[in-house]
């Protein structure tokens, strides 16, 4: 790990900080160079590159060529950039700029962070990786959930509902950073019901098979009952439900509503009451207080859940404070 950190985070030297700006100085897209692919999932492309003006690595997101002409995808990319940029919070990635590259493609640049998403960590724990289990104790996993809850509390205060909270969108940095990513389908104040109303990574009516814990269609496993029904209100209690699913998975190492198909998964979300995490978890013991938090967050009716992320956060933090020396 030390060598990996040194490779990804080269030292800062005087020769790279005090040089005068050259005569050819430009603040347009040409300041970016040395592009390297990071991720090509979904409709977007994420690359890392060097910002020559500031001497730092950044990440740039654009659309895949086959989606460049989609007004829906362009709108989602712009929303992701602008919502993320306006939510200045330690657990939300900083966005630096938005623009068009020489090919006319819309892009935005943001902080480049080394690490991995929470889903990859949970898969290794479920597979019995002892090193990952030792590194990610129950208390550390709860800390990650609370940091995401802080980000959501901040977003909700500013009139933004994420609507796609899941482990794949929770990024863990090498130095303890925790970020809630991908605000492209967020709901913001004053937004009418439009084509961005719900995240739909797949056709929600398709009978798509879900064959193994490592194979997921994405969003459906974390959708709230009201998102599946398409009935209002879609408010902060929707994020509470999704965060409750994440908390359940952190505790039990499996999703509470997974079915053999997407349709079965939706049926489970609408009608099934999952077993308490304490009855399923095999990698650590789950106290009844955490079972109760999950149970309340996963209520089918929004009015029966926690009524704010802050309320859910307080219950988790109170449990952690009481159990600080006993969580393993």
Protein backbone atom coordinates (compact mmCIF):
# COMPACT_ATOMS: atom_id res chain seq x y z
CA UNK A 1 0.00 0.00 0.00
CA UNK A 2 2.75 2.59 0.77
CA UNK A 3 4.22 2.13 -2.71
CA UNK A 4 0.79 2.48 -4.30
CA UNK A 5 0.16 5.69 -2.39
CA UNK A 6 3.53 7.09 -3.38
CA UNK A 7 2.92 6.26 -7.04
CA UNK A 8 -0.54 7.83 -7.06
CA UNK A 9 0.43 10.85 -4.98
CA UNK A 10 3.83 12.10 -6.21
CA UNK A 11 5.66 14.57 -4.01
CA UNK A 12 5.22 18.33 -4.33
CA UNK A 13 8.43 20.11 -5.28
CA UNK A 14 9.44 23.76 -5.58
CA UNK A 15 10.21 23.28 -9.27
CA UNK A 16 6.54 22.53 -9.92
CA UNK A 17 5.04 25.31 -7.78
CA UNK A 18 7.00 28.53 -8.46
CA UNK A 19 7.44 28.55 -12.24
CA UNK A 20 6.23 31.69 -14.03
CA UNK A 21 3.28 31.31 -16.37
CA UNK A 22 4.58 30.75 -19.92
CA UNK A 23 3.83 33.14 -22.80
CA UNK A 24 1.53 30.53 -24.36
CA UNK A 25 -0.56 30.29 -21.19
CA UNK A 26 -4.16 29.31 -21.84
CA UNK A 27 -7.02 28.54 -19.50
CA UNK A 28 -9.02 26.52 -22.03
CA UNK A 29 -9.18 22.76 -22.53
CA UNK A 30 -5.61 22.64 -23.85
CA UNK A 31 -4.31 22.90 -20.29
CA UNK A 32 -5.32 19.24 -19.86
CA UNK A 33 -2.97 16.51 -21.05
CA UNK A 34 -1.89 12.89 -20.44
CA UNK A 35 -5.41 11.41 -20.51
CA UNK A 36 -5.91 7.96 -19.01
CA UNK A 37 -9.16 6.01 -18.80
CA UNK A 38 -10.57 5.49 -15.30
CA UNK A 39 -14.04 4.15 -15.95
CA UNK A 40 -16.38 3.69 -18.88
CA UNK A 41 -19.52 2.48 -17.12
CA UNK A 42 -23.03 3.72 -17.85
CA UNK A 43 -23.42 6.51 -20.41
CA UNK A 44 -20.33 8.40 -19.30
CA UNK A 45 -16.58 8.22 -19.68
CA UNK A 46 -14.31 9.16 -16.78
CA UNK A 47 -10.64 9.90 -17.42
CA UNK A 48 -7.76 11.27 -15.37
CA UNK A 49 -5.41 13.88 -16.76
CA UNK A 50 -2.86 16.53 -15.80
CA UNK A 51 -3.91 20.15 -15.32
CA UNK A 52 -0.75 21.91 -16.54
CA UNK A 53 -1.73 25.28 -15.10
CA UNK A 54 -2.06 24.10 -11.50
CA UNK A 55 0.23 21.06 -11.73
CA UNK A 56 -2.33 18.59 -10.42
CA UNK A 57 -4.21 15.49 -11.47
CA UNK A 58 -7.92 15.93 -12.15
CA UNK A 59 -10.75 13.71 -13.33
CA UNK A 60 -12.86 14.65 -16.37
CA UNK A 61 -16.28 13.25 -17.20
CA UNK A 62 -17.80 13.29 -20.69
CA UNK A 63 -20.46 11.29 -22.49
CA UNK A 64 -19.74 8.22 -24.58
CA UNK A 65 -19.87 8.98 -28.32
CA UNK A 66 -23.15 7.08 -28.76
CA UNK A 67 -24.81 9.30 -26.13
CA UNK A 68 -23.39 12.72 -27.11
CA UNK A 69 -26.48 13.68 -29.10
CA UNK A 70 -28.96 12.63 -26.43
CA UNK A 71 -30.59 15.69 -24.89
CA UNK A 72 -31.50 13.59 -21.85
CA UNK A 73 -27.90 12.47 -21.26
CA UNK A 74 -26.56 15.99 -21.77
CA UNK A 75 -29.10 17.30 -19.28
CA UNK A 76 -28.08 14.65 -16.74
CA UNK A 77 -24.37 15.44 -17.18
CA UNK A 78 -24.99 19.16 -16.72
CA UNK A 79 -27.17 18.52 -13.70
CA UNK A 80 -24.54 16.26 -12.16
CA UNK A 81 -21.85 18.91 -12.65
CA UNK A 82 -23.89 21.84 -11.38
CA UNK A 83 -25.54 20.08 -8.44
CA UNK A 84 -22.20 18.64 -7.30
CA UNK A 85 -20.47 22.01 -7.71
CA UNK A 86 -23.11 23.80 -5.62
CA UNK A 87 -22.99 21.26 -2.78
CA UNK A 88 -19.76 22.30 -1.09
CA UNK A 89 -19.39 19.58 1.56
CA UNK A 90 -16.45 17.41 2.72
CA UNK A 91 -18.27 14.24 1.61
CA UNK A 92 -19.16 15.53 -1.87
CA UNK A 93 -16.47 15.64 -4.54
CA UNK A 94 -15.35 19.18 -5.55
CA UNK A 95 -16.11 20.17 -9.15
CA UNK A 96 -13.65 22.55 -10.78
CA UNK A 97 -15.15 23.61 -14.10
CA UNK A 98 -17.59 22.82 -16.88
CA UNK A 99 -17.05 23.38 -20.58
CA UNK A 100 -16.71 21.96 -24.08
CA UNK A 101 -13.62 20.22 -25.41
CA UNK A 102 -12.20 20.89 -28.91
CA UNK A 103 -14.58 18.26 -30.32
CA UNK A 104 -17.56 20.15 -28.90
CA UNK A 105 -18.31 17.56 -26.22
CA UNK A 106 -19.61 18.76 -22.87
CA UNK A 107 -17.33 17.89 -19.95
CA UNK A 108 -16.73 18.76 -16.35
CA UNK A 109 -13.58 18.40 -14.30
CA UNK A 110 -13.39 17.45 -10.64
CA UNK A 111 -11.04 16.33 -7.91
CA UNK A 112 -9.16 13.12 -8.70
CA UNK A 113 -9.27 10.68 -5.78
CA UNK A 114 -7.51 7.32 -5.58
CA UNK A 115 -9.50 4.50 -4.04
CA UNK A 116 -12.51 2.28 -4.73
CA UNK A 117 -16.24 2.19 -4.21
CA UNK A 118 -17.95 0.63 -1.20
CA UNK A 119 -19.48 -2.16 -3.28
CA UNK A 120 -16.05 -3.64 -4.05
CA UNK A 121 -15.20 -3.61 -0.35
CA UNK A 122 -18.47 -5.33 0.60
CA UNK A 123 -17.95 -8.01 -2.07
CA UNK A 124 -14.52 -8.86 -0.65
CA UNK A 125 -15.91 -9.02 2.89
CA UNK A 126 -18.74 -11.31 1.72
CA UNK A 127 -16.17 -13.52 -0.01
CA UNK A 128 -14.29 -13.95 3.27
CA UNK A 129 -11.28 -11.71 2.56
CA UNK A 130 -9.76 -11.49 6.05
CA UNK A 131 -7.55 -8.49 5.26
CA UNK A 132 -10.53 -6.43 4.10
CA UNK A 133 -12.60 -7.54 7.11
CA UNK A 134 -9.81 -6.46 9.47
CA UNK A 135 -9.43 -3.15 7.66
CA UNK A 136 -13.16 -2.43 7.55
CA UNK A 137 -14.44 -3.12 11.04
CA UNK A 138 -18.12 -2.70 11.82
CA UNK A 139 -17.41 0.69 13.37
CA UNK A 140 -15.53 1.86 10.28
CA UNK A 141 -18.37 0.72 8.04
CA UNK A 142 -20.84 2.59 10.26
CA UNK A 143 -18.57 5.64 10.03
CA UNK A 144 -18.83 5.47 6.24
CA UNK A 145 -22.63 5.33 6.48
CA UNK A 146 -22.69 8.32 8.84
CA UNK A 147 -20.48 10.38 6.52
CA UNK A 148 -22.86 9.67 3.63
CA UNK A 149 -25.72 10.65 5.94
CA UNK A 150 -23.95 13.97 6.62
CA UNK A 151 -23.67 14.58 2.86
CA UNK A 152 -27.36 13.82 2.39
CA UNK A 153 -28.34 16.03 5.32
CA UNK A 154 -26.45 18.90 3.70
CA UNK A 155 -27.99 18.20 0.28
CA UNK A 156 -31.52 17.97 1.70
CA UNK A 157 -31.02 21.27 3.50
CA UNK A 158 -30.25 22.78 0.10
CA UNK A 159 -33.30 21.26 -1.57
CA UNK A 160 -31.57 18.35 -3.32
CA UNK A 161 -32.66 14.69 -3.16
CA UNK A 162 -30.00 12.27 -4.47
CA UNK A 163 -32.37 9.39 -5.45
CA UNK A 164 -29.60 6.94 -6.33
CA UNK A 165 -27.83 6.12 -3.05
CA UNK A 166 -26.04 2.77 -3.38
CA UNK A 167 -22.59 1.32 -2.56
CA UNK A 168 -21.38 1.86 -6.15
CA UNK A 169 -21.92 5.60 -5.65
CA UNK A 170 -20.02 5.70 -2.34
CA UNK A 171 -16.32 6.23 -3.02
CA UNK A 172 -13.62 5.49 -0.45
CA UNK A 173 -10.27 7.23 -0.78
CA UNK A 174 -6.90 5.81 0.24
CA UNK A 175 -6.60 8.34 3.05
CA UNK A 176 -9.99 7.89 4.66
CA UNK A 177 -11.99 10.13 2.34
CA UNK A 178 -15.66 9.21 1.82
CA UNK A 179 -17.64 10.74 -1.05
CA UNK A 180 -21.23 10.39 -2.25
CA UNK A 181 -20.97 10.45 -6.04
CA UNK A 182 -23.20 10.68 -9.13
CA UNK A 183 -25.80 13.41 -8.66
CA UNK A 184 -27.01 13.13 -12.26
CA UNK A 185 -30.56 12.07 -11.36
CA UNK A 186 -30.92 14.31 -8.31
CA UNK A 187 -34.22 16.07 -7.72
CA UNK A 188 -33.88 19.77 -7.00
CA UNK A 189 -36.26 22.46 -5.78
CA UNK A 190 -38.69 23.65 -8.41
CA UNK A 191 -38.12 20.68 -10.72
CA UNK A 192 -41.34 19.49 -12.38
CA UNK A 193 -42.02 15.85 -13.12
CA UNK A 194 -39.91 15.30 -16.23
CA UNK A 195 -37.92 12.65 -18.01
CA UNK A 196 -35.30 12.76 -15.24
CA UNK A 197 -37.87 12.06 -12.55
CA UNK A 198 -36.42 8.69 -11.56
CA UNK A 199 -33.10 6.91 -12.07
CA UNK A 200 -33.69 4.10 -14.53
CA UNK A 201 -30.47 2.24 -15.20
CA UNK A 202 -32.57 -0.52 -16.80
CA UNK A 203 -36.10 -1.04 -18.03
CA UNK A 204 -37.98 -1.39 -14.74
CA UNK A 205 -40.58 -3.57 -16.47
CA UNK A 206 -38.04 -6.04 -17.87
CA UNK A 207 -37.76 -9.45 -16.24
CA UNK A 208 -33.97 -9.22 -16.03
CA UNK A 209 -32.23 -12.04 -14.19
CA UNK A 210 -30.03 -11.28 -11.18
CA UNK A 211 -27.84 -14.33 -10.88
CA UNK A 212 -25.24 -13.62 -8.18
CA UNK A 213 -24.25 -11.18 -5.47
CA UNK A 214 -21.48 -9.80 -7.68
CA UNK A 215 -23.86 -9.18 -10.60
CA UNK A 216 -26.26 -6.30 -10.11
CA UNK A 217 -28.43 -4.27 -12.43
CA UNK A 218 -27.62 -1.20 -10.36
CA UNK A 219 -30.37 1.06 -9.12
CA UNK A 220 -33.34 -1.36 -8.66
CA UNK A 221 -31.90 -3.04 -5.54
CA UNK A 222 -31.96 0.30 -3.69
CA UNK A 223 -35.15 1.90 -5.00
CA UNK A 224 -37.85 2.89 -2.55
CA UNK A 225 -41.46 1.65 -2.88
CA UNK A 226 -42.60 5.11 -4.01
CA UNK A 227 -39.94 5.18 -6.74
CA UNK A 228 -41.14 1.82 -8.07
CA UNK A 229 -44.78 2.89 -8.00
CA UNK A 230 -43.94 6.29 -9.44
CA UNK A 231 -46.13 7.94 -6.84
CA UNK A 232 -45.30 11.18 -5.03
CA UNK A 233 -43.88 12.37 -2.86
CA UNK A 234 -40.30 11.64 -3.82
CA UNK A 235 -38.56 13.47 -1.00
CA UNK A 236 -35.74 12.99 1.51
CA UNK A 237 -37.47 9.88 2.90
CA UNK A 238 -36.68 8.19 -0.43
CA UNK A 239 -32.96 8.72 0.29
CA UNK A 240 -33.58 7.42 3.82
CA UNK A 241 -34.94 4.16 2.40
CA UNK A 242 -31.97 3.76 0.04
CA UNK A 243 -29.49 4.51 2.81
CA UNK A 244 -31.32 1.95 4.93
CA UNK A 245 -30.69 -0.65 2.23
CA UNK A 246 -27.00 0.32 2.22
CA UNK A 247 -26.87 0.03 6.02
CA UNK A 248 -28.55 -3.40 5.86
CA UNK A 249 -26.00 -4.58 3.28
CA UNK A 250 -23.12 -3.24 5.40
CA UNK A 251 -24.41 -5.22 8.37
CA UNK A 252 -25.55 -8.44 6.66
CA UNK A 253 -23.28 -8.57 3.56
CA UNK A 254 -26.32 -9.08 1.36
CA UNK A 255 -29.11 -6.92 0.01
CA UNK A 256 -32.46 -7.15 1.84
CA UNK A 257 -34.72 -7.34 -1.22
CA UNK A 258 -32.70 -9.18 -3.87
CA UNK A 259 -34.79 -11.51 -6.03
CA UNK A 260 -33.90 -13.81 -8.90
CA UNK A 261 -35.19 -11.14 -11.32
CA UNK A 262 -35.72 -7.41 -11.22
CA UNK A 263 -39.48 -7.94 -11.10
CA UNK A 264 -39.11 -10.23 -8.08
CA UNK A 265 -36.84 -7.65 -6.47
CA UNK A 266 -39.48 -4.97 -6.97
CA UNK A 267 -42.13 -7.25 -5.49
CA UNK A 268 -39.90 -7.81 -2.46
CA UNK A 269 -39.35 -4.07 -2.01
CA UNK A 270 -43.09 -3.45 -2.15
CA UNK A 271 -44.25 -6.33 0.04
CA UNK A 272 -41.46 -8.25 1.80
CA UNK A 273 -40.20 -7.56 5.31
CA UNK A 274 -36.57 -8.72 5.32
CA UNK A 275 -35.05 -10.73 8.15
CA UNK A 276 -33.10 -8.61 10.66
CA UNK A 277 -29.40 -8.26 9.75
CA UNK A 278 -28.50 -9.96 13.04
CA UNK A 279 -30.14 -13.18 11.78
CA UNK A 280 -28.09 -13.18 8.57
CA UNK A 281 -24.69 -11.64 9.33
CA UNK A 282 -21.81 -14.09 9.55
CA UNK A 283 -18.80 -11.77 9.66
CA UNK A 284 -19.70 -9.89 12.85
CA UNK A 285 -22.47 -9.73 15.41
CA UNK A 286 -25.19 -7.13 14.84
CA UNK A 287 -26.67 -5.54 17.98
CA UNK A 288 -30.48 -5.17 18.18
CA UNK A 289 -30.17 -1.36 18.08
CA UNK A 290 -28.85 -1.57 14.51
CA UNK A 291 -31.60 -4.02 13.56
CA UNK A 292 -34.10 -1.43 14.78
CA UNK A 293 -32.51 1.40 12.75
CA UNK A 294 -32.65 -0.73 9.59
CA UNK A 295 -36.22 -1.78 10.27
CA UNK A 296 -37.40 1.81 10.64
CA UNK A 297 -35.47 3.12 7.61
CA UNK A 298 -36.96 0.35 5.43
CA UNK A 299 -40.62 0.92 6.26
CA UNK A 300 -42.80 0.68 3.14
CA UNK A 301 -44.71 3.86 3.99
CA UNK A 302 -42.58 7.05 4.02
CA UNK A 303 -44.44 8.40 7.03
CA UNK A 304 -43.34 5.40 9.12
CA UNK A 305 -39.61 5.87 8.41
CA UNK A 306 -37.23 8.34 9.98
CA UNK A 307 -38.55 11.71 8.84
CA UNK A 308 -35.12 13.19 8.19
CA UNK A 309 -31.64 11.89 7.47
CA UNK A 310 -30.46 13.84 10.50
CA UNK A 311 -32.80 11.80 12.71
CA UNK A 312 -31.43 8.53 11.30
CA UNK A 313 -27.88 9.84 11.63
CA UNK A 314 -28.40 10.70 15.29
CA UNK A 315 -29.57 7.16 16.08
CA UNK A 316 -26.49 5.64 14.44
CA UNK A 317 -24.10 8.06 16.13
CA UNK A 318 -25.70 7.50 19.51
CA UNK A 319 -25.23 3.76 19.08
CA UNK A 320 -21.58 4.23 18.06
CA UNK A 321 -20.94 6.48 21.06
CA UNK A 322 -22.36 3.85 23.45
CA UNK A 323 -20.48 0.99 21.78
CA UNK A 324 -17.15 2.60 20.91
CA UNK A 325 -15.07 -0.09 22.61
CA UNK A 326 -17.17 -3.08 21.57
CA UNK A 327 -17.59 -2.92 17.78
CA UNK A 328 -15.55 -5.46 15.83
